[in-house]
Amino acid sequence: MSVKETVLDNGLKVLIQEVHTAPLASVWCWYRVGSKDERPGLTGVSHWCEHMNFKGTRNISRDQVKGIIEQFGGSWNGYTWIDQTTYLETASTDALDRMLFIEAERMDGCLYDPADCESERTVIISELQGGENDPEQLLDTEVTATAFKVHPYHHPTIGWQRDLETMTRDDLYGHYRRYYVPSNATLVVVGDVNTDDTLKKIERHFGPIPSGSVPGRVAQVEPEQQAERRVVLRKPGTTAYFKASFHAPAFEHADFFPLLVADAVLNGAAGLNIWSGGGVARPQRSARLYRALVDKRLASSVSGALMPTQHPYLYSVHASVADGQSIGAVEEVVLAEIERLRTGGITDDEFAKVQTQLRARFVYDADSVTDIAHQIGYFETIASWQAYASLAARLDAVRPEQVHAAATKYLARSNRTIGWFEPEA
């Protein structure tokens, strides 16, 4: 991976990778701020700011923000999660200067018109309430909030409704001014570009922006869980859901990849691109939980999730209960399969299979200039872009006994939070 790293005088880190397979360029601007950086009373502020930063700037009217890229036939978007907020544009290479202009404006020139803040409050609360009507999403929110007692990963990215109802325009703008500074940002450009010319453009657009100060970082450490926790939700619905979440290591921890291999044994290999998911269906049919649940018609689907995060987060197994089956029967099978992994480890054939699957997933994760730029920037926000370049090497270093040890350590009964969604008529 040939990435050119530069740090401007104002602290903005710039990462450029030339990929000359098509006349396209992808620009991502990343900020090290997400829901973990929010205090009680201001939960959801990062996500709300993301919405506001599409509402126009000093030099771009709100009606032009989308059109600037669309006139080049390109795409644009953004998202907020627990560790980061990011914005992107992908378009033909001749739009590069305009894409950089947009992100420089977004970094330093957003307006936060009071009327826009109020109208967006309604939009976000509606989005929150829509999520609460989605049983899977609601169960995930409640299980996560139950699993974390101290660390701010406890809060949902969209925030709690009472905070969204009381937050002010000054709260929003103050958060924007605190975190949207060059010293807290990384700009990533990948595509059919010339590195030196691109750096000159970036310096022209971003160089004059004051560096700001690096915000304080989260210091809370989640205490070790001592006993199983349970959540049971009963609301109107048609399908029952089961979820088991276990405290898991952060991405940089030595146990992360052994646990990733353990998940692949249980659920089939998943990649590490939270943006696109690799664009290819997970290979599940020979995975232990699929055979034990879906093949036997206890569940209509089952999946696992181990997300690369800056701080220790969660490993989760989720199942949709088949019609006519009980959540208890699904739980019994899931926990039995997990215990079988904890006590018996994995076979040599399973290990070889999932290693091959995971290597393929890492290739799918970088399927386009947009995906490559996402991966470089995402891993820079939680660790470093060099950590992204080392994914294959870290996977190759895993041994079956390490997978067994990680499963034994993290998939213990005392480390789990169980969630049920029981639908009511």
Protein backbone atom coordinates (compact mmCIF):
# COMPACT_ATOMS: atom_id res chain seq x y z
CA MET A 1 0.00 0.00 0.00
CA SER A 2 1.60 3.24 -1.18
CA VAL A 3 0.11 6.01 0.95
CA LYS A 4 1.66 9.45 1.08
CA GLU A 5 1.27 10.98 4.55
CA THR A 6 1.62 14.73 5.07
CA VAL A 7 0.75 16.94 8.03
CA LEU A 8 -0.03 20.57 7.26
CA ASP A 9 1.24 23.34 9.52
CA ASN A 10 -2.21 23.62 11.11
CA GLY A 11 -2.17 19.95 12.12
CA LEU A 12 -4.41 18.49 9.39
CA LYS A 13 -3.21 15.01 8.49
CA VAL A 14 -3.42 14.26 4.76
CA LEU A 15 -3.30 10.72 3.32
CA ILE A 16 -3.15 10.25 -0.46
CA GLN A 17 -3.06 7.02 -2.44
CA GLU A 18 -2.85 7.02 -6.21
CA VAL A 19 -5.06 4.39 -7.91
CA HIS A 20 -5.11 4.79 -11.67
CA THR A 21 -7.63 2.10 -12.63
CA ALA A 22 -10.38 4.58 -13.57
CA PRO A 23 -10.66 8.40 -13.86
CA LEU A 24 -12.24 8.69 -10.41
CA ALA A 25 -11.28 10.24 -7.08
CA SER A 26 -12.74 9.76 -3.62
CA VAL A 27 -12.35 12.40 -0.89
CA TRP A 28 -13.14 11.61 2.76
CA CYS A 29 -12.76 14.03 5.64
CA TRP A 30 -12.64 12.32 9.04
CA TYR A 31 -13.09 13.82 12.50
CA ARG A 32 -12.17 12.02 15.72
CA VAL A 33 -15.52 12.61 17.35
CA GLY A 34 -18.45 10.25 17.82
CA SER A 35 -21.02 9.31 20.39
CA LYS A 36 -18.34 8.15 22.85
CA ASP A 37 -17.19 11.77 23.12
CA GLU A 38 -20.58 13.00 24.36
CA ARG A 39 -21.58 13.63 27.94
CA PRO A 40 -25.02 13.04 29.44
CA GLY A 41 -27.36 15.81 28.39
CA LEU A 42 -25.69 16.13 24.98
CA THR A 43 -26.07 12.61 23.63
CA GLY A 44 -26.66 12.62 19.88
CA VAL A 45 -24.91 15.95 19.36
CA SER A 46 -22.28 14.50 16.98
CA HIS A 47 -24.93 12.95 14.74
CA TRP A 48 -27.03 16.13 14.80
CA CYS A 49 -23.97 18.18 13.83
CA GLU A 50 -23.39 15.83 10.91
CA HIS A 51 -26.91 16.67 9.68
CA MET A 52 -26.30 20.39 10.13
CA ASN A 53 -23.09 20.26 8.14
CA PHE A 54 -25.08 19.57 4.99
CA LYS A 55 -27.13 22.77 5.47
CA GLY A 56 -24.84 25.20 3.70
CA THR A 57 -21.77 27.28 4.57
CA ARG A 58 -20.53 30.85 4.21
CA ASN A 59 -19.75 30.25 0.53
CA ILE A 60 -22.10 27.39 -0.38
CA SER A 61 -25.85 27.82 -0.15
CA ARG A 62 -27.82 24.92 1.29
CA ASP A 63 -29.31 24.24 -2.15
CA GLN A 64 -25.87 23.92 -3.75
CA VAL A 65 -24.24 21.45 -1.34
CA LYS A 66 -25.64 18.39 -3.11
CA GLY A 67 -25.64 19.81 -6.61
CA ILE A 68 -21.94 20.63 -6.76
CA ILE A 69 -21.04 16.94 -6.80
CA GLU A 70 -24.09 15.67 -8.65
CA GLN A 71 -23.27 17.87 -11.65
CA PHE A 72 -20.10 15.79 -12.03
CA GLY A 73 -22.13 12.58 -11.83
CA GLY A 74 -20.68 11.84 -8.42
CA SER A 75 -21.98 10.66 -5.06
CA TRP A 76 -21.76 12.15 -1.58
CA ASN A 77 -22.65 11.07 1.94
CA GLY A 78 -21.53 11.02 5.55
CA TYR A 79 -22.04 9.12 8.78
CA THR A 80 -21.50 9.27 12.52
CA TRP A 81 -20.69 6.34 14.76
CA ILE A 82 -19.19 5.76 18.18
CA ASP A 83 -15.59 6.81 17.39
CA GLN A 84 -15.81 9.06 14.33
CA THR A 85 -17.75 11.36 12.02
CA THR A 86 -16.93 11.44 8.32
CA TYR A 87 -18.01 12.98 5.01
CA LEU A 88 -17.26 11.83 1.48
CA GLU A 89 -17.51 12.67 -2.18
CA THR A 90 -16.61 10.36 -5.06
CA ALA A 91 -16.67 11.73 -8.58
CA SER A 92 -14.64 12.07 -11.75
CA THR A 93 -11.10 13.30 -11.16
CA ASP A 94 -11.83 16.69 -12.71
CA ALA A 95 -14.13 17.36 -9.73
CA LEU A 96 -11.29 16.99 -7.21
CA ASP A 97 -10.87 20.70 -6.59
CA ARG A 98 -14.60 21.13 -5.95
CA MET A 99 -14.65 18.19 -3.54
CA LEU A 100 -11.78 19.67 -1.55
CA PHE A 101 -13.53 23.06 -1.55
CA ILE A 102 -16.67 21.50 -0.06
CA GLU A 103 -14.77 19.79 2.77
CA ALA A 104 -12.75 22.91 3.60
CA GLU A 105 -15.99 24.87 3.80
CA ARG A 106 -17.57 22.17 5.95
CA MET A 107 -14.62 22.25 8.34
CA ASP A 108 -14.67 25.98 8.98
CA GLY A 109 -17.72 27.65 7.47
CA CYS A 110 -20.94 25.91 8.53
CA LEU A 111 -23.69 28.30 9.65
CA TYR A 112 -26.02 26.53 12.09
CA ASP A 113 -28.94 28.79 11.31
CA PRO A 114 -31.31 28.62 14.31
CA ALA A 115 -34.31 27.84 12.10
CA ASP A 116 -32.40 24.99 10.44
CA CYS A 117 -31.40 23.62 13.86
CA GLU A 118 -35.05 23.56 14.94
CA SER A 119 -36.31 21.91 11.77
CA GLU A 120 -33.58 19.28 12.02
CA ARG A 121 -34.57 18.55 15.62
CA THR A 122 -37.90 17.29 14.30
CA VAL A 123 -36.17 15.19 11.64
CA ILE A 124 -33.79 13.53 14.09
CA ILE A 125 -36.43 12.82 16.74
CA SER A 126 -38.55 11.27 14.00
CA GLU A 127 -35.54 9.16 12.97
CA LEU A 128 -35.08 8.08 16.59
CA GLN A 129 -38.73 7.12 16.95
CA GLY A 130 -38.58 5.21 13.70
CA GLY A 131 -35.68 3.20 15.12
CA GLU A 132 -37.68 2.49 18.24
CA ASN A 133 -40.33 0.95 16.00
CA ASP A 134 -37.68 -1.41 14.56
CA PRO A 135 -37.42 -4.33 17.03
CA GLU A 136 -33.90 -5.31 15.98
CA GLN A 137 -32.57 -1.78 16.37
CA LEU A 138 -34.37 -1.22 19.65
CA LEU A 139 -33.05 -4.50 21.07
CA ASP A 140 -29.52 -3.58 20.04
CA THR A 141 -29.82 -0.18 21.76
CA GLU A 142 -31.13 -1.68 24.99
CA VAL A 143 -28.59 -4.52 25.11
CA THR A 144 -25.68 -2.14 24.48
CA ALA A 145 -26.91 0.29 27.14
CA THR A 146 -27.20 -2.62 29.59
CA ALA A 147 -23.77 -4.03 28.76
CA PHE A 148 -22.00 -0.69 29.40
CA LYS A 149 -22.36 0.91 32.82
CA VAL A 150 -19.51 3.45 32.77
CA HIS A 151 -18.04 3.89 29.30
CA PRO A 152 -19.93 6.30 26.98
CA TYR A 153 -20.30 3.54 24.38
CA HIS A 154 -23.44 3.11 26.51
CA HIS A 155 -25.18 5.90 24.56
CA PRO A 156 -26.79 5.30 21.14
CA THR A 157 -25.24 7.35 18.36
CA ILE A 158 -28.56 9.04 17.61
CA GLY A 159 -28.83 10.05 21.31
CA TRP A 160 -31.56 9.78 23.92
CA GLN A 161 -34.82 11.55 23.13
CA ARG A 162 -34.84 13.85 26.16
CA ASP A 163 -31.41 15.20 25.20
CA LEU A 164 -32.58 15.80 21.62
CA GLU A 165 -35.59 17.70 22.94
CA THR A 166 -33.54 20.05 25.14
CA MET A 167 -30.33 20.60 23.16
CA THR A 168 -29.81 24.18 21.93
CA ARG A 169 -28.30 25.75 18.85
CA ASP A 170 -25.37 26.92 20.99
CA ASP A 171 -24.78 23.34 22.15
CA LEU A 172 -24.59 22.22 18.55
CA TYR A 173 -22.40 25.06 17.33
CA GLY A 174 -20.08 24.76 20.32
CA HIS A 175 -19.59 21.05 19.60
CA TYR A 176 -18.88 21.86 15.94
CA ARG A 177 -16.29 24.52 16.80
CA ARG A 178 -14.60 22.26 19.36
CA TYR A 179 -14.16 19.16 17.21
CA TYR A 180 -14.15 20.38 13.60
CA VAL A 181 -10.61 21.65 13.57
CA PRO A 182 -7.61 20.58 11.45
CA SER A 183 -5.73 19.16 14.44
CA ASN A 184 -8.63 16.74 15.03
CA ALA A 185 -9.12 15.73 11.38
CA THR A 186 -7.71 13.53 8.65
CA LEU A 187 -8.26 14.15 4.94
CA VAL A 188 -8.02 11.09 2.67
CA VAL A 189 -7.82 11.21 -1.14
CA VAL A 190 -7.70 8.03 -3.22
CA GLY A 191 -7.94 7.72 -6.97
CA ASP A 192 -6.62 8.83 -10.33
CA VAL A 193 -4.72 11.82 -8.94
CA ASN A 194 -1.22 13.22 -8.86
CA THR A 195 0.01 13.37 -5.28
CA ASP A 196 2.03 16.58 -5.58
CA ASP A 197 -0.72 18.46 -7.43
CA THR A 198 -3.31 17.21 -4.94
CA LEU A 199 -1.22 18.40 -2.00
CA LYS A 200 -1.01 21.87 -3.53
CA LYS A 201 -4.79 22.00 -3.88
CA ILE A 202 -5.25 20.79 -0.30
CA GLU A 203 -2.82 23.38 1.05
CA ARG A 204 -4.70 26.14 -0.80
CA HIS A 205 -8.10 25.09 0.55
CA PHE A 206 -7.22 23.94 4.08
CA GLY A 207 -3.95 25.70 4.92
CA PRO A 208 -5.55 29.00 6.08
CA ILE A 209 -7.89 27.29 8.58
CA PRO A 210 -6.69 27.78 12.20
CA SER A 211 -5.46 24.56 13.78
CA GLY A 212 -7.63 24.69 16.90
CA SER A 213 -6.75 22.59 19.93
CA VAL A 214 -7.00 18.82 20.20
CA PRO A 215 -10.08 18.05 22.33
CA GLY A 216 -9.81 15.99 25.48
CA ARG A 217 -10.27 12.26 25.12
CA VAL A 218 -12.47 9.72 26.88
CA ALA A 219 -10.86 8.49 30.10
CA GLN A 220 -13.57 6.18 31.44
CA VAL A 221 -12.72 2.49 31.58
CA GLU A 222 -15.56 -0.02 31.69
CA PRO A 223 -15.19 -2.27 34.76
CA GLU A 224 -15.06 -6.00 34.19
CA GLN A 225 -18.55 -7.49 34.05
CA GLN A 226 -19.13 -9.86 36.97
CA ALA A 227 -22.41 -11.56 36.07
CA GLU A 228 -24.75 -12.23 33.17
CA ARG A 229 -27.23 -9.43 32.44
CA ARG A 230 -30.59 -9.75 30.72
CA VAL A 231 -32.97 -7.52 28.77
CA VAL A 232 -36.50 -8.58 27.78
CA LEU A 233 -38.50 -6.27 25.51
CA ARG A 234 -42.19 -6.85 24.87
CA LYS A 235 -43.72 -4.65 22.18
CA PRO A 236 -46.03 -5.04 19.19
CA GLY A 237 -44.36 -7.00 16.43
CA THR A 238 -44.44 -10.10 14.28
CA THR A 239 -40.98 -11.63 14.77
CA ALA A 240 -39.03 -12.60 17.88
CA TYR A 241 -35.32 -11.78 18.14
CA PHE A 242 -32.44 -13.06 20.25
CA LYS A 243 -29.18 -11.25 20.95
CA ALA A 244 -26.11 -12.15 23.00
CA SER A 245 -23.40 -9.52 23.46
CA PHE A 246 -20.01 -10.07 25.08
CA HIS A 247 -17.44 -7.45 26.05
CA ALA A 248 -14.70 -7.68 23.42
CA PRO A 249 -11.21 -6.27 22.87
CA ALA A 250 -10.42 -3.06 21.02
CA PHE A 251 -9.05 -3.36 17.49
CA GLU A 252 -5.39 -2.92 18.51
CA HIS A 253 -5.54 -5.60 21.23
CA ALA A 254 -3.74 -8.88 20.51
CA ASP A 255 -6.98 -10.83 21.06
CA PHE A 256 -8.99 -9.01 18.39
CA PHE A 257 -8.01 -11.21 15.44
CA PRO A 258 -8.31 -14.51 17.32
CA LEU A 259 -11.86 -13.49 18.29
CA LEU A 260 -12.54 -12.45 14.67
CA VAL A 261 -11.56 -15.98 13.59
CA ALA A 262 -13.82 -17.43 16.31
CA ASP A 263 -16.74 -15.43 14.92
CA ALA A 264 -15.98 -16.73 11.42
CA VAL A 265 -16.21 -20.29 12.75
CA LEU A 266 -19.58 -19.56 14.34
CA ASN A 267 -21.10 -17.32 11.64
CA GLY A 268 -18.95 -17.28 8.51
CA ALA A 269 -16.27 -14.72 7.77
CA ALA A 270 -17.17 -11.03 7.86
CA GLY A 271 -14.93 -8.23 6.68
CA LEU A 272 -13.88 -5.12 8.55
CA ASN A 273 -15.48 -2.46 6.34
CA ILE A 274 -18.43 -1.02 8.25
CA TRP A 275 -19.25 1.23 5.29
CA SER A 276 -19.90 -1.26 2.50
CA GLY A 277 -19.67 -4.64 4.19
CA GLY A 278 -17.58 -5.84 1.27
CA GLY A 279 -20.60 -5.95 -1.03
CA VAL A 280 -20.58 -9.76 -0.96
CA ALA A 281 -22.83 -12.04 1.09
CA ARG A 282 -21.25 -13.63 4.15
CA PRO A 283 -20.28 -17.31 3.54
CA GLN A 284 -22.45 -18.91 6.22
CA ARG A 285 -23.78 -22.26 5.06
CA SER A 286 -20.99 -24.29 6.64
CA ALA A 287 -20.74 -22.12 9.78
CA ARG A 288 -21.68 -23.73 13.08
CA LEU A 289 -24.57 -21.47 14.07
CA TYR A 290 -26.12 -21.47 10.60
CA ARG A 291 -26.13 -25.27 10.55
CA ALA A 292 -27.50 -25.47 14.10
CA LEU A 293 -30.21 -22.81 13.72
CA VAL A 294 -31.16 -22.02 10.13
CA ASP A 295 -30.73 -25.51 8.67
CA LYS A 296 -32.85 -26.87 11.52
CA ARG A 297 -35.50 -24.16 11.02
CA LEU A 298 -35.14 -22.71 14.50
CA ALA A 299 -34.11 -19.32 13.11
CA SER A 300 -34.61 -17.58 9.79
CA SER A 301 -31.23 -15.85 10.06
CA VAL A 302 -28.22 -15.62 12.35
CA SER A 303 -25.18 -13.36 12.29
CA GLY A 304 -22.26 -12.18 14.39
CA ALA A 305 -20.57 -8.80 14.69
CA LEU A 306 -17.10 -7.89 15.94
CA MET A 307 -16.46 -4.26 15.03
CA PRO A 308 -13.01 -2.64 14.96
CA THR A 309 -13.18 0.12 17.59
CA GLN A 310 -10.80 2.39 19.47
CA HIS A 311 -11.87 1.18 22.93
CA PRO A 312 -13.13 -2.26 24.01
CA TYR A 313 -16.63 -2.71 22.58
CA LEU A 314 -18.88 -5.76 22.05
CA TYR A 315 -18.99 -9.01 20.13
CA SER A 316 -22.62 -9.90 19.36
CA VAL A 317 -24.58 -12.84 18.01
CA HIS A 318 -28.05 -12.04 16.68
CA ALA A 319 -30.81 -14.37 15.47
CA SER A 320 -34.28 -13.90 14.00
CA VAL A 321 -36.50 -16.60 15.47
CA ALA A 322 -38.41 -18.67 12.89
CA ASP A 323 -42.21 -18.70 12.95
CA GLY A 324 -43.53 -21.18 15.47
CA GLN A 325 -40.23 -21.43 17.34
CA SER A 326 -39.32 -19.98 20.74
CA ILE A 327 -36.61 -17.53 21.74
CA GLY A 328 -35.64 -19.93 24.51
CA ALA A 329 -34.95 -22.74 22.04
CA VAL A 330 -32.76 -20.42 19.94
CA GLU A 331 -30.88 -19.21 23.02
CA GLU A 332 -30.25 -22.79 24.15
CA VAL A 333 -28.66 -23.69 20.80
CA VAL A 334 -26.60 -20.49 20.51
CA LEU A 335 -25.17 -20.81 23.99
CA ALA A 336 -24.50 -24.53 23.52
CA GLU A 337 -22.54 -23.86 20.31
CA ILE A 338 -20.59 -21.08 22.01
CA GLU A 339 -19.77 -23.39 24.91
CA ARG A 340 -18.67 -26.10 22.48
CA LEU A 341 -16.25 -23.60 20.94
CA ARG A 342 -15.01 -22.57 24.40
CA THR A 343 -14.37 -26.12 25.54
CA GLY A 344 -13.34 -27.84 22.32
CA GLY A 345 -11.73 -25.13 20.18
CA ILE A 346 -11.76 -25.37 16.39
CA THR A 347 -10.63 -28.04 13.96
CA ASP A 348 -7.72 -27.66 11.55
CA ASP A 349 -10.13 -27.76 8.61
CA GLU A 350 -12.28 -24.99 10.10
CA PHE A 351 -9.22 -22.87 10.79
CA ALA A 352 -7.91 -23.20 7.23
CA LYS A 353 -11.35 -22.46 5.76
CA VAL A 354 -12.05 -19.30 7.74
CA GLN A 355 -8.51 -17.96 7.22
CA THR A 356 -9.10 -18.20 3.47
CA GLN A 357 -12.55 -16.62 3.81
CA LEU A 358 -11.23 -13.70 5.86
CA ARG A 359 -8.41 -12.99 3.40
CA ALA A 360 -11.01 -12.82 0.64
CA ARG A 361 -13.19 -10.49 2.73
CA PHE A 362 -10.29 -8.06 3.15
CA VAL A 363 -9.99 -7.93 -0.64
CA TYR A 364 -13.73 -7.28 -1.03
CA ASP A 365 -13.44 -4.54 1.60
CA ALA A 366 -11.21 -2.57 -0.79
CA ASP A 367 -13.24 -3.09 -3.95
CA SER A 368 -13.25 0.56 -5.15
CA VAL A 369 -11.50 3.88 -4.60
CA THR A 370 -14.37 4.79 -2.26
CA ASP A 371 -13.84 1.65 -0.16
CA ILE A 372 -10.06 2.07 -0.07
CA ALA A 373 -10.40 5.68 1.07
CA HIS A 374 -12.90 4.65 3.71
CA GLN A 375 -10.64 1.95 5.11
CA ILE A 376 -7.57 4.19 5.26
CA GLY A 377 -9.50 6.92 7.07
CA TYR A 378 -11.53 4.65 9.33
CA PHE A 379 -8.52 2.85 10.75
CA GLU A 380 -6.69 6.16 11.14
CA THR A 381 -9.48 7.31 13.46
CA ILE A 382 -9.30 4.24 15.71
CA ALA A 383 -5.60 3.37 15.44
CA SER A 384 -3.56 4.35 12.35
CA TRP A 385 -3.71 3.87 8.62
CA GLN A 386 -0.66 1.63 8.95
CA ALA A 387 -2.83 -0.66 11.10
CA TYR A 388 -5.12 -1.07 8.10
CA ALA A 389 -2.14 -2.07 5.97
CA SER A 390 -1.30 -4.80 8.50
CA LEU A 391 -4.66 -6.61 8.51
CA ALA A 392 -3.45 -9.58 6.48
CA ALA A 393 -0.27 -9.95 8.53
CA ARG A 394 -2.20 -9.91 11.81
CA LEU A 395 -4.60 -12.54 10.47
CA ASP A 396 -1.75 -14.76 9.28
CA ALA A 397 -0.18 -14.62 12.74
CA VAL A 398 -3.25 -16.14 14.43
CA ARG A 399 -2.96 -19.75 15.61
CA PRO A 400 -5.82 -22.16 16.51
CA GLU A 401 -4.82 -22.23 20.17
CA GLN A 402 -5.16 -18.42 20.30
CA VAL A 403 -8.69 -18.69 18.88
CA HIS A 404 -9.58 -21.23 21.56
CA ALA A 405 -8.07 -19.02 24.29
CA ALA A 406 -9.95 -15.93 23.07
CA ALA A 407 -13.25 -17.81 22.95
CA THR A 408 -12.65 -19.14 26.46
CA LYS A 409 -11.82 -15.68 27.78
CA TYR A 410 -14.45 -13.49 26.13
CA LEU A 411 -17.42 -15.80 25.54
CA ALA A 412 -17.84 -16.61 29.22
CA ARG A 413 -21.26 -16.53 30.87
CA SER A 414 -20.29 -13.73 33.28
CA ASN A 415 -19.22 -11.54 30.35
CA ARG A 416 -22.46 -11.64 28.40
CA THR A 417 -25.67 -9.62 28.14
CA ILE A 418 -28.66 -11.52 26.75
CA GLY A 419 -31.50 -9.73 24.96
CA TRP A 420 -34.93 -11.02 23.97
CA PHE A 421 -37.56 -9.27 21.90
CA GLU A 422 -40.94 -10.91 22.48
CA PRO A 423 -43.55 -9.63 20.00
CA GLU A 424 -47.00 -8.79 21.30
CA ALA A 425 -50.14 -8.92 19.20
